[in-house]
Amino acid sequence: MRMMAFAVSVSAALAWPGSVLADRASATAALKTETQIKDLTWPDETTLYVGMFDLGTRRHGYAMYVCEVLASHGASKGVYVKIIDIVAVAQKRGFRKLGDAYCR
């Protein structure tokens, strides 16, 4: 159920140093292998939306885990991770937050 497109605007891509783009690309690839993650997108250079099913639990801990994965790829500094309800997105009810974390 891939409802969000992986997108980075051209202007944002030009603003990122090449190594950061490569680091974020490898981190994105690693995160896409996670079975709980249904889709993810970088709407800008400091924000990562991660689409998951709402199982009735808070997802702040999972957002912190995403920060750890980003850090292991050298791509976490200053990133805000927002876990969103993928069903709400698919039903055009917006980006309903399930959890979030600020990566260091």
C-alpha atoms as a PDB file:
ATOM      1  CA  MET A   1       0.000   0.000   0.000  1.00  0.00           C
ATOM      2  CA  ARG A   2       2.311   2.738  -1.274  1.00  0.00           C
ATOM      3  CA  MET A   3       0.268   5.915  -0.952  1.00  0.00           C
ATOM      4  CA  MET A   4       2.963   8.564  -0.635  1.00  0.00           C
ATOM      5  CA  ALA A   5       5.553   9.134  -3.295  1.00  0.00           C
ATOM      6  CA  PHE A   6       9.182   9.404  -2.322  1.00  0.00           C
ATOM      7  CA  ALA A   7       9.882  12.996  -3.292  1.00  0.00           C
ATOM      8  CA  VAL A   8      12.540  15.565  -2.719  1.00  0.00           C
ATOM      9  CA  SER A   9      12.128  18.882  -4.460  1.00  0.00           C
ATOM     10  CA  VAL A  10      14.851  19.878  -6.894  1.00  0.00           C
ATOM     11  CA  SER A  11      15.614  23.062  -4.959  1.00  0.00           C
ATOM     12  CA  ALA A  12      15.981  21.109  -1.701  1.00  0.00           C
ATOM     13  CA  ALA A  13      18.200  18.538  -3.394  1.00  0.00           C
ATOM     14  CA  LEU A  14      20.477  21.266  -4.710  1.00  0.00           C
ATOM     15  CA  ALA A  15      20.792  22.722  -1.201  1.00  0.00           C
ATOM     16  CA  TRP A  16      22.005  19.435   0.324  1.00  0.00           C
ATOM     17  CA  PRO A  17      25.664  18.474   0.118  1.00  0.00           C
ATOM     18  CA  GLY A  18      26.204  15.377  -2.029  1.00  0.00           C
ATOM     19  CA  SER A  19      27.288  13.148   0.847  1.00  0.00           C
ATOM     20  CA  VAL A  20      24.145  14.002   2.841  1.00  0.00           C
ATOM     21  CA  LEU A  21      22.006  12.993  -0.139  1.00  0.00           C
ATOM     22  CA  ALA A  22      23.862   9.695  -0.410  1.00  0.00           C
ATOM     23  CA  ASP A  23      23.551   9.111   3.355  1.00  0.00           C
ATOM     24  CA  ARG A  24      19.824   9.826   3.297  1.00  0.00           C
ATOM     25  CA  ALA A  25      19.364   7.644   0.233  1.00  0.00           C
ATOM     26  CA  SER A  26      21.033   4.689   1.965  1.00  0.00           C
ATOM     27  CA  ALA A  27      19.051   5.338   5.165  1.00  0.00           C
ATOM     28  CA  THR A  28      15.820   5.531   3.148  1.00  0.00           C
ATOM     29  CA  ALA A  29      16.636   2.240   1.438  1.00  0.00           C
ATOM     30  CA  ALA A  30      17.295   0.603   4.816  1.00  0.00           C
ATOM     31  CA  LEU A  31      14.055   1.939   6.297  1.00  0.00           C
ATOM     32  CA  LYS A  32      12.039   0.712   3.312  1.00  0.00           C
ATOM     33  CA  THR A  33      13.011  -2.854   4.261  1.00  0.00           C
ATOM     34  CA  GLU A  34      11.211  -2.506   7.615  1.00  0.00           C
ATOM     35  CA  THR A  35       7.944  -4.473   7.486  1.00  0.00           C
ATOM     36  CA  GLN A  36       6.042  -2.021   9.704  1.00  0.00           C
ATOM     37  CA  ILE A  37       6.856   0.946   7.462  1.00  0.00           C
ATOM     38  CA  LYS A  38       4.390   1.148   4.587  1.00  0.00           C
ATOM     39  CA  ASP A  39       5.888   4.236   2.933  1.00  0.00           C
ATOM     40  CA  LEU A  40       8.103   7.226   3.698  1.00  0.00           C
ATOM     41  CA  THR A  41       8.892  10.571   2.181  1.00  0.00           C
ATOM     42  CA  TRP A  42      11.211  13.537   2.701  1.00  0.00           C
ATOM     43  CA  PRO A  43       8.986  16.620   2.101  1.00  0.00           C
ATOM     44  CA  ASP A  44      12.013  18.826   2.817  1.00  0.00           C
ATOM     45  CA  GLU A  45      15.621  18.429   3.936  1.00  0.00           C
ATOM     46  CA  THR A  46      14.847  18.275   7.671  1.00  0.00           C
ATOM     47  CA  THR A  47      11.584  16.306   7.816  1.00  0.00           C
ATOM     48  CA  LEU A  48      10.880  12.613   7.284  1.00  0.00           C
ATOM     49  CA  TYR A  49       7.298  11.321   7.206  1.00  0.00           C
ATOM     50  CA  VAL A  50       6.979   7.595   7.909  1.00  0.00           C
ATOM     51  CA  GLY A  51       3.642   5.973   7.059  1.00  0.00           C
ATOM     52  CA  MET A  52       2.483   3.108   9.284  1.00  0.00           C
ATOM     53  CA  PHE A  53      -0.775   1.447  10.287  1.00  0.00           C
ATOM     54  CA  ASP A  54      -2.423   2.821  13.432  1.00  0.00           C
ATOM     55  CA  LEU A  55      -2.439  -0.099  15.853  1.00  0.00           C
ATOM     56  CA  GLY A  56      -3.768   2.003  18.726  1.00  0.00           C
ATOM     57  CA  THR A  57      -0.372   2.589  20.312  1.00  0.00           C
ATOM     58  CA  ARG A  58       1.824   5.659  20.386  1.00  0.00           C
ATOM     59  CA  ARG A  59       4.741   5.508  17.972  1.00  0.00           C
ATOM     60  CA  HIS A  60       7.220   7.890  19.618  1.00  0.00           C
ATOM     61  CA  GLY A  61       9.547   4.980  20.376  1.00  0.00           C
ATOM     62  CA  TYR A  62       9.453   3.869  16.760  1.00  0.00           C
ATOM     63  CA  ALA A  63      10.249   7.431  15.654  1.00  0.00           C
ATOM     64  CA  MET A  64      13.307   7.294  17.928  1.00  0.00           C
ATOM     65  CA  TYR A  65      14.266   3.984  16.294  1.00  0.00           C
ATOM     66  CA  VAL A  66      14.035   5.685  12.878  1.00  0.00           C
ATOM     67  CA  CYS A  67      16.430   8.335  14.208  1.00  0.00           C
ATOM     68  CA  GLU A  68      18.838   5.553  15.189  1.00  0.00           C
ATOM     69  CA  VAL A  69      18.681   4.072  11.682  1.00  0.00           C
ATOM     70  CA  LEU A  70      19.292   7.527  10.195  1.00  0.00           C
ATOM     71  CA  ALA A  71      22.236   8.012  12.583  1.00  0.00           C
ATOM     72  CA  SER A  72      23.762   4.696  11.556  1.00  0.00           C
ATOM     73  CA  HIS A  73      23.837   6.087   7.999  1.00  0.00           C
ATOM     74  CA  GLY A  74      25.126   9.517   9.059  1.00  0.00           C
ATOM     75  CA  ALA A  75      21.837  11.177   8.119  1.00  0.00           C
ATOM     76  CA  SER A  76      20.125  12.050  11.405  1.00  0.00           C
ATOM     77  CA  LYS A  77      21.405  15.477  12.410  1.00  0.00           C
ATOM     78  CA  GLY A  78      18.558  17.977  12.692  1.00  0.00           C
ATOM     79  CA  VAL A  79      15.906  15.656  11.235  1.00  0.00           C
ATOM     80  CA  TYR A  80      12.320  15.654  12.509  1.00  0.00           C
ATOM     81  CA  VAL A  81      10.686  12.224  12.131  1.00  0.00           C
ATOM     82  CA  LYS A  82       6.890  12.162  12.056  1.00  0.00           C
ATOM     83  CA  ILE A  83       5.125   8.793  12.123  1.00  0.00           C
ATOM     84  CA  ILE A  84       1.802   9.158  10.322  1.00  0.00           C
ATOM     85  CA  ASP A  85      -1.315   7.026   9.880  1.00  0.00           C
ATOM     86  CA  ILE A  86      -1.025   5.617   6.341  1.00  0.00           C
ATOM     87  CA  VAL A  87      -4.768   4.816   6.207  1.00  0.00           C
ATOM     88  CA  ALA A  88      -5.671   8.437   7.010  1.00  0.00           C
ATOM     89  CA  VAL A  89      -3.391   9.561   4.171  1.00  0.00           C
ATOM     90  CA  ALA A  90      -4.966   7.058   1.763  1.00  0.00           C
ATOM     91  CA  GLN A  91      -8.433   8.274   2.725  1.00  0.00           C
ATOM     92  CA  LYS A  92      -7.331  11.898   2.224  1.00  0.00           C
ATOM     93  CA  ARG A  93      -7.846  12.728   5.908  1.00  0.00           C
ATOM     94  CA  GLY A  94      -4.420  14.343   6.182  1.00  0.00           C
ATOM     95  CA  PHE A  95      -1.195  13.434   7.943  1.00  0.00           C
ATOM     96  CA  ARG A  96      -2.489  12.215  11.324  1.00  0.00           C
ATOM     97  CA  LYS A  97       0.460  11.959  13.700  1.00  0.00           C
ATOM     98  CA  LEU A  98       1.004   8.702  15.590  1.00  0.00           C
ATOM     99  CA  GLY A  99       4.375   9.689  17.024  1.00  0.00           C
ATOM    100  CA  ASP A 100       7.407  11.851  16.420  1.00  0.00           C
ATOM    101  CA  ALA A 101      11.006  12.484  17.405  1.00  0.00           C
ATOM    102  CA  TYR A 102      13.722  15.043  16.780  1.00  0.00           C
ATOM    103  CA  CYS A 103      16.970  13.371  15.803  1.00  0.00           C
ATOM    104  CA  ARG A 104      20.271  14.659  17.154  1.00  0.00           C
END
